[in-house]
């Protein structure tokens, strides 16, 4: 079974909840992982099972990057907020770099997230 990582900055939580809800039937076919806040929201608001790691600022982005490097994640949907600074920006860049190194699809906005889901 393929695994999709779901992450969203605070300013994008509403967007990821809407995206997951709109794609609930498709996403239910995959193993889902995510950072703590995003994953918990998805579980509570949408009802999909998400294995949660640490929150992004506490190392969750780095944990997801490690899973990508270990070939345990097949795609990452990380809705980023490009208009605000984030204290854990180095971890965010690491996750993006690891996705590129290992040729793992990475969606950072709703348009590419839709294409990733369609492509899987």
N, C-alpha and C. Protein backbone atom coordinates (compact mmCIF):
# COMPACT_ATOMS: atom_id res chain seq x y z
N UNK A 1 0.84 -1.18 0.00
CA UNK A 1 0.00 0.00 0.00
C UNK A 1 0.89 1.25 0.00
N UNK A 2 0.56 2.20 -0.86
CA UNK A 2 1.33 3.43 -0.94
C UNK A 2 1.02 4.34 0.25
N UNK A 3 2.02 5.18 0.57
CA UNK A 3 1.90 6.10 1.70
C UNK A 3 1.99 7.53 1.22
N UNK A 4 1.08 8.36 1.73
CA UNK A 4 1.08 9.79 1.43
C UNK A 4 1.27 10.55 2.73
N UNK A 5 2.19 11.52 2.72
CA UNK A 5 2.38 12.39 3.87
C UNK A 5 1.56 13.67 3.66
N UNK A 6 0.88 14.09 4.72
CA UNK A 6 0.04 15.29 4.69
C UNK A 6 0.53 16.28 5.74
N UNK A 7 0.87 17.48 5.27
CA UNK A 7 1.40 18.52 6.15
C UNK A 7 0.83 19.85 5.67
N UNK A 8 0.57 20.77 6.60
CA UNK A 8 0.13 22.11 6.21
C UNK A 8 0.55 23.11 7.26
N UNK A 9 1.06 24.23 6.79
CA UNK A 9 1.34 25.33 7.71
C UNK A 9 0.03 25.83 8.30
N UNK A 10 0.12 26.53 9.43
CA UNK A 10 -1.07 26.99 10.12
C UNK A 10 -2.02 27.77 9.21
N UNK A 11 -1.48 28.62 8.36
CA UNK A 11 -2.30 29.42 7.46
C UNK A 11 -2.95 28.61 6.35
N UNK A 12 -2.60 27.33 6.25
CA UNK A 12 -3.14 26.45 5.20
C UNK A 12 -3.92 25.26 5.75
N UNK A 13 -4.16 25.25 7.07
CA UNK A 13 -4.89 24.12 7.68
C UNK A 13 -6.30 23.98 7.09
N UNK A 14 -6.99 25.10 6.91
CA UNK A 14 -8.34 25.04 6.34
C UNK A 14 -8.29 24.46 4.93
N UNK A 15 -7.30 24.86 4.15
CA UNK A 15 -7.16 24.36 2.78
C UNK A 15 -6.92 22.85 2.75
N UNK A 16 -6.05 22.36 3.64
CA UNK A 16 -5.78 20.92 3.59
C UNK A 16 -6.99 20.13 4.08
N UNK A 17 -7.71 20.66 5.05
CA UNK A 17 -8.92 19.96 5.51
C UNK A 17 -9.94 19.87 4.38
N UNK A 18 -10.12 20.95 3.63
CA UNK A 18 -11.05 20.94 2.51
C UNK A 18 -10.58 19.97 1.43
N UNK A 19 -9.27 20.00 1.12
CA UNK A 19 -8.71 19.11 0.12
C UNK A 19 -8.90 17.64 0.52
N UNK A 20 -8.58 17.32 1.76
CA UNK A 20 -8.71 15.94 2.23
C UNK A 20 -10.18 15.52 2.22
N UNK A 21 -11.05 16.39 2.66
CA UNK A 21 -12.48 16.07 2.65
C UNK A 21 -12.98 15.84 1.22
N UNK A 22 -12.56 16.69 0.29
CA UNK A 22 -12.97 16.54 -1.11
C UNK A 22 -12.42 15.27 -1.75
N UNK A 23 -11.29 14.77 -1.24
CA UNK A 23 -10.62 13.59 -1.80
C UNK A 23 -10.62 12.41 -0.83
N UNK A 24 -11.57 12.42 0.09
CA UNK A 24 -11.61 11.41 1.15
C UNK A 24 -11.63 9.98 0.62
N UNK A 25 -12.45 9.71 -0.37
CA UNK A 25 -12.54 8.34 -0.89
C UNK A 25 -11.23 7.88 -1.52
N UNK A 26 -10.57 8.76 -2.24
CA UNK A 26 -9.28 8.43 -2.84
C UNK A 26 -8.22 8.23 -1.76
N UNK A 27 -8.16 9.16 -0.81
CA UNK A 27 -7.13 9.11 0.23
C UNK A 27 -7.32 7.92 1.17
N UNK A 28 -8.54 7.44 1.31
CA UNK A 28 -8.81 6.29 2.19
C UNK A 28 -8.12 5.02 1.68
N UNK A 29 -7.70 5.01 0.43
CA UNK A 29 -7.04 3.85 -0.16
C UNK A 29 -5.54 3.80 0.16
N UNK A 30 -5.03 4.85 0.80
CA UNK A 30 -3.61 4.96 1.08
C UNK A 30 -3.34 4.96 2.58
N UNK A 31 -2.11 4.63 2.93
CA UNK A 31 -1.64 4.83 4.29
C UNK A 31 -1.29 6.31 4.39
N UNK A 32 -1.79 6.97 5.41
CA UNK A 32 -1.55 8.40 5.57
C UNK A 32 -0.69 8.66 6.80
N UNK A 33 0.28 9.54 6.63
CA UNK A 33 1.12 9.99 7.74
C UNK A 33 1.11 11.52 7.70
N UNK A 34 1.44 12.12 8.83
CA UNK A 34 1.47 13.58 8.86
C UNK A 34 2.12 14.10 10.12
N UNK A 35 2.30 15.40 10.12
CA UNK A 35 2.79 16.04 11.33
C UNK A 35 1.63 16.11 12.32
N UNK A 36 1.95 16.30 13.59
CA UNK A 36 0.95 16.13 14.65
C UNK A 36 -0.30 16.99 14.51
N UNK A 37 -0.12 18.28 14.34
CA UNK A 37 -1.28 19.16 14.29
C UNK A 37 -2.13 18.88 13.06
N UNK A 38 -1.50 18.77 11.90
CA UNK A 38 -2.24 18.50 10.66
C UNK A 38 -2.92 17.13 10.72
N UNK A 39 -2.19 16.12 11.11
CA UNK A 39 -2.74 14.77 11.18
C UNK A 39 -3.89 14.66 12.16
N UNK A 40 -3.75 15.30 13.31
CA UNK A 40 -4.81 15.27 14.31
C UNK A 40 -6.07 15.96 13.79
N UNK A 41 -5.91 17.09 13.14
CA UNK A 41 -7.06 17.79 12.56
C UNK A 41 -7.78 16.93 11.53
N UNK A 42 -7.01 16.26 10.68
CA UNK A 42 -7.61 15.40 9.65
C UNK A 42 -8.37 14.26 10.30
N UNK A 43 -7.79 13.64 11.32
CA UNK A 43 -8.48 12.56 12.02
C UNK A 43 -9.79 13.05 12.63
N UNK A 44 -9.73 14.18 13.31
CA UNK A 44 -10.90 14.70 14.03
C UNK A 44 -11.97 15.27 13.10
N UNK A 45 -11.56 16.00 12.07
CA UNK A 45 -12.53 16.71 11.22
C UNK A 45 -13.01 15.91 10.01
N UNK A 46 -12.15 15.01 9.51
CA UNK A 46 -12.50 14.27 8.29
C UNK A 46 -12.74 12.79 8.59
N UNK A 47 -12.11 12.26 9.62
CA UNK A 47 -12.32 10.88 10.00
C UNK A 47 -11.40 9.87 9.34
N UNK A 48 -10.35 10.34 8.68
CA UNK A 48 -9.37 9.41 8.11
C UNK A 48 -8.29 9.11 9.13
N UNK A 49 -7.75 7.90 9.07
CA UNK A 49 -6.67 7.52 9.98
C UNK A 49 -5.35 8.07 9.47
N UNK A 50 -4.65 8.81 10.31
CA UNK A 50 -3.36 9.38 9.97
C UNK A 50 -2.38 9.05 11.10
N UNK A 51 -1.26 8.44 10.75
CA UNK A 51 -0.22 8.22 11.74
C UNK A 51 0.51 9.55 11.93
N UNK A 52 0.47 10.05 13.16
CA UNK A 52 1.03 11.37 13.42
C UNK A 52 2.44 11.29 13.99
N UNK A 53 3.28 12.16 13.48
CA UNK A 53 4.63 12.34 13.99
C UNK A 53 4.66 13.64 14.78
N UNK A 54 5.80 14.14 15.13
CA UNK A 54 5.90 15.39 15.88
C UNK A 54 5.34 16.54 15.05
N UNK A 55 5.00 17.63 15.72
CA UNK A 55 4.58 18.82 14.97
C UNK A 55 5.80 19.34 14.21
N UNK A 56 5.54 20.10 13.16
CA UNK A 56 6.62 20.61 12.31
C UNK A 56 7.72 21.32 13.07
N UNK A 57 7.39 22.31 13.91
CA UNK A 57 8.43 23.03 14.63
C UNK A 57 9.21 22.18 15.63
N UNK A 58 8.66 21.03 16.00
CA UNK A 58 9.34 20.16 16.97
C UNK A 58 10.06 18.99 16.30
N UNK A 59 10.16 19.02 14.97
CA UNK A 59 10.92 17.98 14.27
C UNK A 59 10.11 17.09 13.36
N UNK A 60 8.81 17.33 13.25
CA UNK A 60 7.97 16.48 12.41
C UNK A 60 8.33 16.51 10.94
N UNK A 61 8.70 17.69 10.43
CA UNK A 61 9.10 17.79 9.03
C UNK A 61 10.35 16.94 8.78
N UNK A 62 11.26 16.95 9.74
CA UNK A 62 12.48 16.14 9.63
C UNK A 62 12.14 14.65 9.69
N UNK A 63 11.18 14.28 10.53
CA UNK A 63 10.77 12.88 10.59
C UNK A 63 10.18 12.41 9.26
N UNK A 64 9.35 13.25 8.66
CA UNK A 64 8.77 12.90 7.36
C UNK A 64 9.88 12.80 6.32
N UNK A 65 10.84 13.72 6.36
CA UNK A 65 11.98 13.67 5.42
C UNK A 65 12.72 12.34 5.56
N UNK A 66 12.88 11.88 6.78
CA UNK A 66 13.55 10.60 7.02
C UNK A 66 12.77 9.45 6.38
N UNK A 67 11.45 9.49 6.50
CA UNK A 67 10.62 8.45 5.88
C UNK A 67 10.75 8.47 4.36
N UNK A 68 10.82 9.67 3.80
CA UNK A 68 11.01 9.80 2.35
C UNK A 68 12.35 9.18 1.95
N UNK A 69 13.40 9.51 2.70
CA UNK A 69 14.74 8.99 2.40
C UNK A 69 14.79 7.47 2.51
N UNK A 70 13.99 6.91 3.40
CA UNK A 70 13.93 5.45 3.59
C UNK A 70 12.98 4.77 2.62
N UNK A 71 12.42 5.55 1.68
CA UNK A 71 11.47 5.04 0.69
C UNK A 71 10.19 4.51 1.33
N UNK A 72 9.78 5.11 2.44
CA UNK A 72 8.55 4.70 3.13
C UNK A 72 7.40 5.65 2.84
N UNK A 73 7.65 6.69 2.05
CA UNK A 73 6.60 7.64 1.64
C UNK A 73 6.67 7.77 0.12
N UNK A 74 5.50 7.68 -0.52
CA UNK A 74 5.43 7.71 -1.98
C UNK A 74 5.09 9.09 -2.54
N UNK A 75 4.52 9.95 -1.71
CA UNK A 75 4.18 11.31 -2.13
C UNK A 75 4.01 12.17 -0.89
N UNK A 76 4.31 13.47 -1.04
CA UNK A 76 4.15 14.42 0.06
C UNK A 76 3.27 15.55 -0.41
N UNK A 77 2.24 15.83 0.37
CA UNK A 77 1.41 17.01 0.16
C UNK A 77 1.68 17.93 1.34
N UNK A 78 2.38 19.02 1.07
CA UNK A 78 2.80 19.97 2.10
C UNK A 78 2.34 21.35 1.67
N UNK A 79 1.16 21.74 2.12
CA UNK A 79 0.64 23.05 1.76
C UNK A 79 1.38 24.10 2.57
N UNK A 80 2.23 24.84 1.88
CA UNK A 80 3.08 25.82 2.54
C UNK A 80 2.47 27.21 2.48
N UNK A 81 2.85 28.01 3.44
CA UNK A 81 2.43 29.42 3.49
C UNK A 81 3.64 30.26 3.13
N UNK A 82 3.76 30.65 1.85
CA UNK A 82 4.96 31.34 1.40
C UNK A 82 5.05 32.80 1.86
N UNK A 83 3.99 33.31 2.47
CA UNK A 83 3.98 34.72 2.86
C UNK A 83 4.40 34.95 4.31
N UNK A 84 4.65 33.89 5.04
CA UNK A 84 5.07 34.02 6.43
C UNK A 84 6.35 33.25 6.70
N UNK A 85 7.18 33.79 7.58
CA UNK A 85 8.43 33.12 7.98
C UNK A 85 8.10 32.00 8.97
N UNK A 86 8.91 30.96 8.94
CA UNK A 86 8.72 29.82 9.82
C UNK A 86 10.03 29.49 10.51
N UNK A 87 10.01 29.36 11.84
CA UNK A 87 11.26 29.13 12.57
C UNK A 87 11.94 27.80 12.21
N UNK A 88 11.16 26.86 11.71
CA UNK A 88 11.72 25.55 11.35
C UNK A 88 11.98 25.46 9.84
N UNK A 89 12.23 26.59 9.20
CA UNK A 89 12.47 26.63 7.76
C UNK A 89 13.58 25.68 7.30
N UNK A 90 14.67 25.51 8.05
CA UNK A 90 15.69 24.53 7.61
C UNK A 90 15.12 23.12 7.46
N UNK A 91 14.23 22.71 8.36
CA UNK A 91 13.62 21.38 8.25
C UNK A 91 12.71 21.30 7.02
N UNK A 92 12.00 22.38 6.74
CA UNK A 92 11.13 22.42 5.57
C UNK A 92 11.96 22.27 4.31
N UNK A 93 13.06 23.00 4.22
CA UNK A 93 13.94 22.90 3.06
C UNK A 93 14.54 21.51 2.93
N UNK A 94 14.87 20.90 4.07
CA UNK A 94 15.41 19.53 4.05
C UNK A 94 14.40 18.57 3.47
N UNK A 95 13.15 18.68 3.90
CA UNK A 95 12.10 17.80 3.38
C UNK A 95 11.97 17.98 1.87
N UNK A 96 11.96 19.21 1.42
CA UNK A 96 11.85 19.47 -0.02
C UNK A 96 13.05 18.92 -0.79
N UNK A 97 14.24 19.11 -0.22
CA UNK A 97 15.46 18.60 -0.87
C UNK A 97 15.43 17.08 -0.95
N UNK A 98 15.04 16.42 0.13
CA UNK A 98 15.00 14.95 0.16
C UNK A 98 13.98 14.43 -0.86
N UNK A 99 12.85 15.10 -0.98
CA UNK A 99 11.87 14.70 -2.01
C UNK A 99 12.49 14.79 -3.40
N UNK A 100 13.24 15.86 -3.65
CA UNK A 100 13.89 16.01 -4.95
C UNK A 100 14.98 14.97 -5.17
N UNK A 101 15.79 14.71 -4.16
CA UNK A 101 16.87 13.72 -4.27
C UNK A 101 16.32 12.34 -4.58
N UNK A 102 15.21 11.98 -3.93
CA UNK A 102 14.65 10.63 -4.07
C UNK A 102 13.50 10.56 -5.08
N UNK A 103 13.30 11.66 -5.82
CA UNK A 103 12.29 11.69 -6.88
C UNK A 103 10.89 11.34 -6.37
N UNK A 104 10.53 11.90 -5.22
CA UNK A 104 9.22 11.68 -4.61
C UNK A 104 8.36 12.91 -4.91
N UNK A 105 7.17 12.72 -5.45
CA UNK A 105 6.30 13.85 -5.75
C UNK A 105 6.03 14.70 -4.50
N UNK A 106 6.13 16.02 -4.67
CA UNK A 106 5.92 16.96 -3.58
C UNK A 106 4.98 18.06 -4.06
N UNK A 107 3.82 18.15 -3.45
CA UNK A 107 2.85 19.20 -3.77
C UNK A 107 2.90 20.25 -2.66
N UNK A 108 3.07 21.51 -3.05
CA UNK A 108 3.11 22.58 -2.06
C UNK A 108 1.92 23.53 -2.18
N UNK A 109 1.01 23.24 -3.11
CA UNK A 109 -0.22 24.03 -3.23
C UNK A 109 -1.34 23.10 -3.70
N UNK A 110 -2.57 23.61 -3.69
CA UNK A 110 -3.73 22.79 -4.00
C UNK A 110 -3.72 22.26 -5.45
N UNK A 111 -3.22 23.05 -6.37
CA UNK A 111 -3.20 22.62 -7.78
C UNK A 111 -2.31 21.39 -7.95
N UNK A 112 -1.11 21.43 -7.38
CA UNK A 112 -0.21 20.28 -7.52
C UNK A 112 -0.68 19.12 -6.65
N UNK A 113 -1.32 19.39 -5.53
CA UNK A 113 -1.86 18.31 -4.69
C UNK A 113 -2.90 17.52 -5.48
N UNK A 114 -3.76 18.20 -6.22
CA UNK A 114 -4.76 17.52 -7.03
C UNK A 114 -4.10 16.64 -8.10
N UNK A 115 -3.03 17.15 -8.70
CA UNK A 115 -2.32 16.37 -9.72
C UNK A 115 -1.64 15.15 -9.11
N UNK A 116 -1.06 15.30 -7.93
CA UNK A 116 -0.41 14.16 -7.27
C UNK A 116 -1.43 13.07 -6.96
N UNK A 117 -2.57 13.45 -6.42
CA UNK A 117 -3.60 12.45 -6.11
C UNK A 117 -4.08 11.77 -7.38
N UNK A 118 -4.28 12.53 -8.43
CA UNK A 118 -4.72 11.96 -9.71
C UNK A 118 -3.66 11.03 -10.28
N UNK A 119 -2.38 11.40 -10.12
CA UNK A 119 -1.28 10.61 -10.68
C UNK A 119 -1.00 9.32 -9.94
N UNK A 120 -1.34 9.26 -8.68
CA UNK A 120 -1.10 8.02 -7.93
C UNK A 120 -2.15 6.98 -8.29
